[in-house]
């Protein structure tokens, strides 16, 4: 779940204001907020830092605690060791 819009509104910022602060077009921010696109790592980091949250909190769900550091879950739910 994308929390970007909620955090922006809580800060009292319009889309135009946040886009200007991040030096991006408003249309890009709209796509991020609507979930059509996600920012690259650099922009995600900048947004997380700006809102004082983790990237995971901003754009994702908490990691599945059953997944260990040495395993990878594939799209077909098969878990393999790395």
N, C-alpha and C. Protein backbone atom coordinates (compact mmCIF):
# COMPACT_ATOMS: atom_id res chain seq x y z
N UNK A 1 0.85 -1.18 0.00
CA UNK A 1 0.00 0.00 0.00
C UNK A 1 0.90 1.24 0.00
N UNK A 2 0.62 2.13 -0.90
CA UNK A 2 1.38 3.36 -1.07
C UNK A 2 0.85 4.42 -0.09
N UNK A 3 1.70 4.94 0.77
CA UNK A 3 1.29 5.93 1.77
C UNK A 3 1.74 7.34 1.42
N UNK A 4 2.27 7.52 0.23
CA UNK A 4 2.82 8.80 -0.17
C UNK A 4 1.77 9.91 -0.08
N UNK A 5 0.59 9.68 -0.61
CA UNK A 5 -0.45 10.70 -0.61
C UNK A 5 -0.85 11.07 0.82
N UNK A 6 -1.03 10.07 1.68
CA UNK A 6 -1.41 10.33 3.07
C UNK A 6 -0.36 11.18 3.78
N UNK A 7 0.90 10.85 3.58
CA UNK A 7 1.97 11.62 4.23
C UNK A 7 2.04 13.04 3.69
N UNK A 8 1.84 13.20 2.40
CA UNK A 8 1.84 14.54 1.80
C UNK A 8 0.73 15.39 2.39
N UNK A 9 -0.46 14.81 2.49
CA UNK A 9 -1.61 15.54 3.03
C UNK A 9 -1.38 15.89 4.51
N UNK A 10 -0.85 14.95 5.28
CA UNK A 10 -0.56 15.21 6.69
C UNK A 10 0.41 16.36 6.87
N UNK A 11 1.32 16.52 5.91
CA UNK A 11 2.28 17.63 5.95
C UNK A 11 1.66 18.94 5.45
N UNK A 12 0.44 18.88 4.95
CA UNK A 12 -0.23 20.06 4.45
C UNK A 12 0.31 20.55 3.12
N UNK A 13 0.83 19.62 2.32
CA UNK A 13 1.41 19.99 1.04
C UNK A 13 0.48 19.63 -0.11
N UNK A 14 0.44 20.45 -1.11
CA UNK A 14 -0.25 20.10 -2.35
C UNK A 14 0.68 19.24 -3.19
N UNK A 15 0.12 18.63 -4.22
CA UNK A 15 0.95 17.87 -5.14
C UNK A 15 1.98 18.78 -5.80
N UNK A 16 1.57 19.97 -6.15
CA UNK A 16 2.48 20.92 -6.79
C UNK A 16 3.66 21.26 -5.87
N UNK A 17 3.36 21.49 -4.59
CA UNK A 17 4.41 21.86 -3.64
C UNK A 17 5.42 20.72 -3.44
N UNK A 18 4.90 19.50 -3.26
CA UNK A 18 5.82 18.38 -3.05
C UNK A 18 6.63 18.11 -4.31
N UNK A 19 5.99 18.19 -5.46
CA UNK A 19 6.71 17.97 -6.72
C UNK A 19 7.83 18.99 -6.87
N UNK A 20 7.56 20.23 -6.52
CA UNK A 20 8.58 21.28 -6.61
C UNK A 20 9.73 20.99 -5.64
N UNK A 21 9.40 20.56 -4.41
CA UNK A 21 10.44 20.25 -3.42
C UNK A 21 11.31 19.07 -3.87
N UNK A 22 10.72 18.12 -4.59
CA UNK A 22 11.45 16.94 -5.05
C UNK A 22 12.05 17.16 -6.44
N UNK A 23 11.77 18.31 -7.04
CA UNK A 23 12.29 18.65 -8.36
C UNK A 23 11.84 17.63 -9.42
N UNK A 24 10.54 17.35 -9.40
CA UNK A 24 9.95 16.43 -10.36
C UNK A 24 8.68 17.05 -10.93
N UNK A 25 8.21 16.58 -12.09
CA UNK A 25 6.93 17.06 -12.61
C UNK A 25 5.78 16.58 -11.72
N UNK A 26 4.75 17.39 -11.62
CA UNK A 26 3.57 17.00 -10.83
C UNK A 26 2.99 15.69 -11.35
N UNK A 27 3.00 15.51 -12.67
CA UNK A 27 2.42 14.30 -13.25
C UNK A 27 3.14 13.03 -12.76
N UNK A 28 4.43 13.14 -12.51
CA UNK A 28 5.19 12.01 -11.97
C UNK A 28 4.71 11.68 -10.56
N UNK A 29 4.55 12.71 -9.74
CA UNK A 29 4.07 12.50 -8.37
C UNK A 29 2.67 11.88 -8.38
N UNK A 30 1.81 12.35 -9.26
CA UNK A 30 0.45 11.80 -9.37
C UNK A 30 0.51 10.31 -9.67
N UNK A 31 1.36 9.91 -10.61
CA UNK A 31 1.49 8.48 -10.95
C UNK A 31 2.00 7.68 -9.76
N UNK A 32 2.94 8.24 -8.99
CA UNK A 32 3.44 7.54 -7.80
C UNK A 32 2.33 7.39 -6.77
N UNK A 33 1.60 8.48 -6.52
CA UNK A 33 0.53 8.42 -5.52
C UNK A 33 -0.58 7.45 -5.93
N UNK A 34 -0.88 7.39 -7.22
CA UNK A 34 -1.93 6.49 -7.70
C UNK A 34 -1.47 5.05 -7.84
N UNK A 35 -0.18 4.81 -7.69
CA UNK A 35 0.35 3.46 -7.77
C UNK A 35 0.60 2.96 -9.17
N UNK A 36 0.54 3.84 -10.16
CA UNK A 36 0.80 3.44 -11.54
C UNK A 36 2.29 3.23 -11.79
N UNK A 37 3.11 3.96 -11.09
CA UNK A 37 4.57 3.85 -11.19
C UNK A 37 5.13 3.99 -9.78
N UNK A 38 6.37 3.57 -9.63
CA UNK A 38 7.10 3.78 -8.38
C UNK A 38 8.38 4.54 -8.70
N UNK A 39 8.84 5.34 -7.77
CA UNK A 39 10.09 6.06 -8.01
C UNK A 39 11.27 5.10 -7.99
N UNK A 40 12.36 5.54 -8.59
CA UNK A 40 13.61 4.80 -8.50
C UNK A 40 14.14 4.86 -7.08
N UNK A 41 15.20 4.16 -6.85
CA UNK A 41 15.78 4.06 -5.51
C UNK A 41 16.17 5.43 -4.96
N UNK A 42 16.80 6.26 -5.78
CA UNK A 42 17.25 7.57 -5.32
C UNK A 42 16.07 8.43 -4.87
N UNK A 43 15.03 8.49 -5.68
CA UNK A 43 13.86 9.30 -5.33
C UNK A 43 13.11 8.70 -4.14
N UNK A 44 13.01 7.38 -4.08
CA UNK A 44 12.35 6.74 -2.95
C UNK A 44 13.08 7.09 -1.65
N UNK A 45 14.41 7.06 -1.70
CA UNK A 45 15.21 7.44 -0.54
C UNK A 45 14.96 8.89 -0.14
N UNK A 46 14.94 9.78 -1.13
CA UNK A 46 14.70 11.20 -0.85
C UNK A 46 13.33 11.43 -0.23
N UNK A 47 12.32 10.76 -0.75
CA UNK A 47 10.97 10.90 -0.20
C UNK A 47 10.90 10.34 1.22
N UNK A 48 11.49 9.18 1.43
CA UNK A 48 11.48 8.57 2.77
C UNK A 48 12.19 9.48 3.77
N UNK A 49 13.30 10.04 3.36
CA UNK A 49 14.04 10.95 4.23
C UNK A 49 13.21 12.21 4.52
N UNK A 50 12.57 12.75 3.49
CA UNK A 50 11.76 13.95 3.64
C UNK A 50 10.63 13.73 4.65
N UNK A 51 9.98 12.56 4.56
CA UNK A 51 8.85 12.26 5.45
C UNK A 51 9.28 11.55 6.73
N UNK A 52 10.58 11.30 6.89
CA UNK A 52 11.12 10.65 8.08
C UNK A 52 10.49 9.27 8.32
N UNK A 53 10.42 8.49 7.25
CA UNK A 53 9.93 7.11 7.32
C UNK A 53 10.88 6.24 6.50
N UNK A 54 10.75 4.94 6.63
CA UNK A 54 11.55 4.04 5.79
C UNK A 54 10.91 3.92 4.41
N UNK A 55 11.68 3.49 3.45
CA UNK A 55 11.14 3.25 2.11
C UNK A 55 10.06 2.18 2.19
N UNK A 56 10.29 1.18 3.00
CA UNK A 56 9.31 0.12 3.17
C UNK A 56 7.99 0.68 3.71
N UNK A 57 8.06 1.58 4.70
CA UNK A 57 6.85 2.19 5.24
C UNK A 57 6.13 3.03 4.19
N UNK A 58 6.89 3.66 3.34
CA UNK A 58 6.33 4.56 2.33
C UNK A 58 5.65 3.81 1.19
N UNK A 59 6.27 2.74 0.72
CA UNK A 59 5.78 2.08 -0.49
C UNK A 59 5.42 0.62 -0.35
N UNK A 60 5.69 0.00 0.78
CA UNK A 60 5.47 -1.43 0.85
C UNK A 60 4.87 -1.91 2.14
N UNK A 61 4.69 -3.18 2.17
CA UNK A 61 4.21 -3.88 3.34
C UNK A 61 5.42 -4.40 4.10
N UNK A 62 5.26 -4.66 5.38
CA UNK A 62 6.38 -5.25 6.13
C UNK A 62 6.80 -6.57 5.51
N UNK A 63 8.07 -6.88 5.60
CA UNK A 63 8.57 -8.13 5.03
C UNK A 63 7.99 -9.32 5.77
N UNK A 64 7.74 -10.38 5.05
CA UNK A 64 7.25 -11.62 5.62
C UNK A 64 8.33 -12.17 6.54
N UNK A 65 8.02 -12.30 7.82
CA UNK A 65 9.03 -12.75 8.78
C UNK A 65 9.45 -14.19 8.56
N UNK A 66 8.66 -14.96 7.80
CA UNK A 66 9.03 -16.34 7.53
C UNK A 66 10.14 -16.45 6.50
N UNK A 67 10.35 -15.41 5.71
CA UNK A 67 11.39 -15.44 4.69
C UNK A 67 12.73 -15.15 5.36
N UNK A 68 13.65 -16.04 5.24
CA UNK A 68 14.97 -15.88 5.85
C UNK A 68 15.90 -15.18 4.88
N UNK A 69 17.01 -14.65 5.39
CA UNK A 69 17.98 -13.93 4.57
C UNK A 69 18.55 -14.78 3.44
N UNK A 70 18.58 -16.11 3.60
CA UNK A 70 19.21 -16.96 2.60
C UNK A 70 18.21 -17.61 1.64
N UNK A 71 16.97 -17.10 1.60
CA UNK A 71 15.99 -17.67 0.69
C UNK A 71 15.38 -16.58 -0.18
N UNK A 72 14.81 -17.01 -1.28
CA UNK A 72 14.14 -16.10 -2.21
C UNK A 72 12.77 -16.68 -2.52
N UNK A 73 11.75 -15.87 -2.47
CA UNK A 73 10.41 -16.33 -2.83
C UNK A 73 10.13 -15.89 -4.26
N UNK A 74 9.80 -16.83 -5.11
CA UNK A 74 9.52 -16.52 -6.51
C UNK A 74 8.04 -16.25 -6.69
N UNK A 75 7.64 -15.81 -7.90
CA UNK A 75 6.26 -15.49 -8.17
C UNK A 75 5.31 -16.67 -8.00
N UNK A 76 5.81 -17.88 -8.21
CA UNK A 76 4.95 -19.05 -8.08
C UNK A 76 5.04 -19.68 -6.68
N UNK A 77 5.48 -18.88 -5.70
CA UNK A 77 5.53 -19.24 -4.30
C UNK A 77 6.45 -20.41 -3.98
N UNK A 78 7.43 -20.64 -4.80
CA UNK A 78 8.44 -21.65 -4.51
C UNK A 78 9.60 -20.94 -3.82
N UNK A 79 10.01 -21.46 -2.68
CA UNK A 79 11.11 -20.87 -1.94
C UNK A 79 12.36 -21.68 -2.21
N UNK A 80 13.42 -20.98 -2.60
CA UNK A 80 14.68 -21.66 -2.89
C UNK A 80 15.80 -21.02 -2.11
N UNK A 81 16.81 -21.78 -1.80
CA UNK A 81 17.99 -21.24 -1.14
C UNK A 81 18.85 -20.50 -2.14
N UNK A 82 19.47 -19.41 -1.72
CA UNK A 82 20.34 -18.62 -2.59
C UNK A 82 21.76 -19.07 -2.39
